[in-house]
Each structure stands twice: as structure tokens, then as C-alpha cells.
N, C-alpha and C. Protein backbone atom coordinates (compact mmCIF):
# COMPACT_ATOMS: atom_id res chain seq x y z
N MET A 1 50.49 49.95 95.60
CA MET A 1 50.07 50.99 96.14
C MET A 1 50.56 50.60 97.42
N GLU A 2 51.27 51.82 98.24
CA GLU A 2 51.94 51.44 99.21
C GLU A 2 51.06 52.49 100.51
N HIS A 3 50.88 52.08 101.46
CA HIS A 3 50.14 52.69 102.71
C HIS A 3 51.26 53.19 103.40
N GLN A 4 50.97 54.63 103.43
CA GLN A 4 52.16 55.63 104.16
C GLN A 4 51.64 55.45 105.85
N GLN A 5 52.53 55.38 106.50
CA GLN A 5 52.07 55.51 108.22
C GLN A 5 51.59 56.92 108.29
N PRO A 6 50.65 57.50 108.85
CA PRO A 6 50.25 58.58 109.26
C PRO A 6 51.38 59.42 110.12
N GLU A 7 51.84 60.40 110.09
CA GLU A 7 52.76 61.07 110.90
C GLU A 7 52.18 61.51 112.10
N PRO A 8 52.82 61.13 113.25
CA PRO A 8 52.34 61.37 114.45
C PRO A 8 52.25 62.44 114.86
N ARG A 9 51.00 62.61 115.60
CA ARG A 9 50.27 64.15 115.85
C ARG A 9 51.00 64.60 116.93
N GLU A 10 51.24 65.91 117.22
CA GLU A 10 51.82 66.34 118.60
C GLU A 10 50.53 66.38 119.30
N GLY A 11 50.84 66.54 120.57
CA GLY A 11 49.80 66.61 121.51
C GLY A 11 49.64 68.37 121.41
N PRO A 12 48.76 68.60 122.29
CA PRO A 12 48.24 70.02 122.53
C PRO A 12 49.36 70.73 122.91
N GLN A 13 49.17 72.07 122.27
CA GLN A 13 50.38 72.75 122.34
C GLN A 13 50.54 73.32 123.98
N PRO A 14 51.26 73.57 124.60
CA PRO A 14 51.58 74.16 126.06
C PRO A 14 50.99 75.39 126.10
N LYS A 15 50.42 75.61 127.21
CA LYS A 15 49.92 76.93 127.37
C LYS A 15 50.76 78.15 127.59
N LYS A 16 50.51 79.50 127.40
CA LYS A 16 51.26 80.39 127.54
C LYS A 16 51.16 80.89 129.14
N PRO A 17 52.38 81.27 129.74
CA PRO A 17 52.54 81.59 131.12
C PRO A 17 51.26 82.67 131.11
N TYR A 18 50.66 82.87 132.37
CA TYR A 18 49.79 83.84 132.78
C TYR A 18 50.33 84.88 132.80
N SER A 19 49.82 85.99 132.26
CA SER A 19 50.09 87.58 132.06
C SER A 19 48.95 88.21 132.63
N PRO A 20 49.28 88.94 133.92
CA PRO A 20 48.01 89.98 134.30
C PRO A 20 47.57 91.06 133.20
N PRO A 21 46.44 91.53 133.38
CA PRO A 21 46.07 92.32 132.22
C PRO A 21 46.84 93.60 132.86
N ARG A 22 46.82 94.73 131.68
CA ARG A 22 47.55 95.76 131.93
C ARG A 22 46.45 96.93 131.37
N VAL A 23 46.69 97.77 132.47
CA VAL A 23 45.52 99.17 132.42
C VAL A 23 46.47 100.08 131.45
N VAL A 24 45.86 100.53 130.56
CA VAL A 24 46.33 101.80 129.72
C VAL A 24 45.58 103.05 129.69
N GLU A 25 46.31 103.80 130.12
CA GLU A 25 45.34 105.37 130.55
C GLU A 25 45.54 106.21 129.12
N TYR A 26 44.30 106.34 128.44
CA TYR A 26 44.23 107.23 127.06
C TYR A 26 43.95 108.70 127.75
N GLY A 27 43.59 108.99 128.72
CA GLY A 27 43.19 110.19 129.24
C GLY A 27 41.90 110.58 129.96
N ASN A 28 41.56 111.83 129.87
CA ASN A 28 40.32 111.93 130.80
C ASN A 28 39.30 111.69 129.95
N VAL A 29 38.12 110.84 130.63
CA VAL A 29 37.14 110.36 129.96
C VAL A 29 36.08 111.46 129.46
N ALA A 30 36.13 112.64 130.21
CA ALA A 30 35.30 113.51 129.59
C ALA A 30 35.95 114.21 128.39
N LYS A 31 37.09 114.31 128.07
CA LYS A 31 37.81 114.50 127.05
C LYS A 31 37.67 113.46 125.74
N LEU A 32 37.85 112.38 126.13
CA LEU A 32 37.80 111.28 125.25
C LEU A 32 36.22 111.18 124.71
N THR A 33 35.48 111.69 125.35
CA THR A 33 34.21 110.94 124.90
C THR A 33 33.41 112.48 124.34
N ARG A 34 33.97 113.57 124.37
CA ARG A 34 33.47 114.68 123.86
C ARG A 34 33.06 114.68 122.57
N GLY A 35 31.88 115.05 122.28
CA GLY A 35 31.25 114.97 120.61
C GLY A 35 31.92 116.06 119.89
N SER A 36 31.75 115.83 118.71
CA SER A 36 32.46 117.20 117.82
C SER A 36 31.47 117.74 117.28
N ASN A 37 31.51 118.79 116.29
CA ASN A 37 30.47 119.71 115.59
C ASN A 37 30.29 119.16 114.46
N GLY A 38 30.74 117.72 114.21
CA GLY A 38 30.37 117.38 112.61
C GLY A 38 28.90 116.98 112.74
N ASN A 39 28.71 116.18 111.36
CA ASN A 39 27.27 115.81 111.01
C ASN A 39 27.05 114.53 110.85
N GLY A 40 27.66 113.76 112.00
CA GLY A 40 27.83 112.25 112.21
C GLY A 40 26.48 111.33 112.41
N ALA A 41 26.63 110.30 112.47
CA ALA A 41 25.20 109.34 112.50
C ALA A 41 24.63 109.67 113.96
N ASP A 42 25.24 110.36 114.87
CA ASP A 42 24.70 110.56 116.21
C ASP A 42 24.29 111.82 116.23
N ALA A 43 24.02 112.77 115.20
CA ALA A 43 23.81 114.31 115.17
C ALA A 43 22.33 114.40 115.51
N GLY A 44 21.30 113.34 115.36
CA GLY A 44 20.03 113.46 115.20
C GLY A 44 19.42 113.86 113.75
N ASN A 45 19.58 114.80 113.31
CA ASN A 45 19.19 115.19 111.86
C ASN A 45 17.65 115.34 112.11
N GLY A 46 17.04 115.54 113.11
CA GLY A 46 15.55 115.73 112.96
C GLY A 46 14.63 114.56 112.87
N MET A 47 15.08 113.41 112.89
CA MET A 47 14.62 112.04 112.56
C MET A 47 14.13 111.15 114.01
N THR A 48 13.91 112.10 115.03
CA THR A 48 13.39 111.69 116.37
C THR A 48 11.97 111.39 115.93
N MET A 49 11.54 110.10 116.54
CA MET A 49 9.97 109.98 116.65
C MET A 49 9.22 110.33 118.11
N MET A 50 8.31 111.00 117.95
CA MET A 50 7.22 111.45 119.31
C MET A 50 6.74 110.65 119.66
N CYS A 51 6.94 110.26 120.74
CA CYS A 51 5.78 108.91 121.90
C CYS A 51 4.41 109.64 122.18
N LEU A 52 3.38 109.48 121.94
CA LEU A 52 2.20 109.80 122.13
C LEU A 52 1.56 109.34 123.56
């Protein structure tokens, strides 16, 4: 039974050069956050608890 030499490990990979964050504009915040007339989870459905 032969003992094989472990393969030499490479050092840590070099870091990628820094790239600053990019600003992406998707449009007007009011238009993007406007709700729909659907019956989604945030519609309420009359399941609110009253505080006494």
C-alpha cells in the first residue's frame, strides 16, 4: 500500500477588485408601492382585533 503525497493546496483566492455600488432607478416610489384592488394577504379581510 503506497502512501500518496497530498496535493499541495492553493492559497486563498485573491479578492476581486472593489467596485462601488450602483444605483438602479425603478421609477416613482408612489407608483411602485401603490396597492392593487386584489384580494391579497394585506387586504385585511375583516380579521383585525380590537384593542380594549
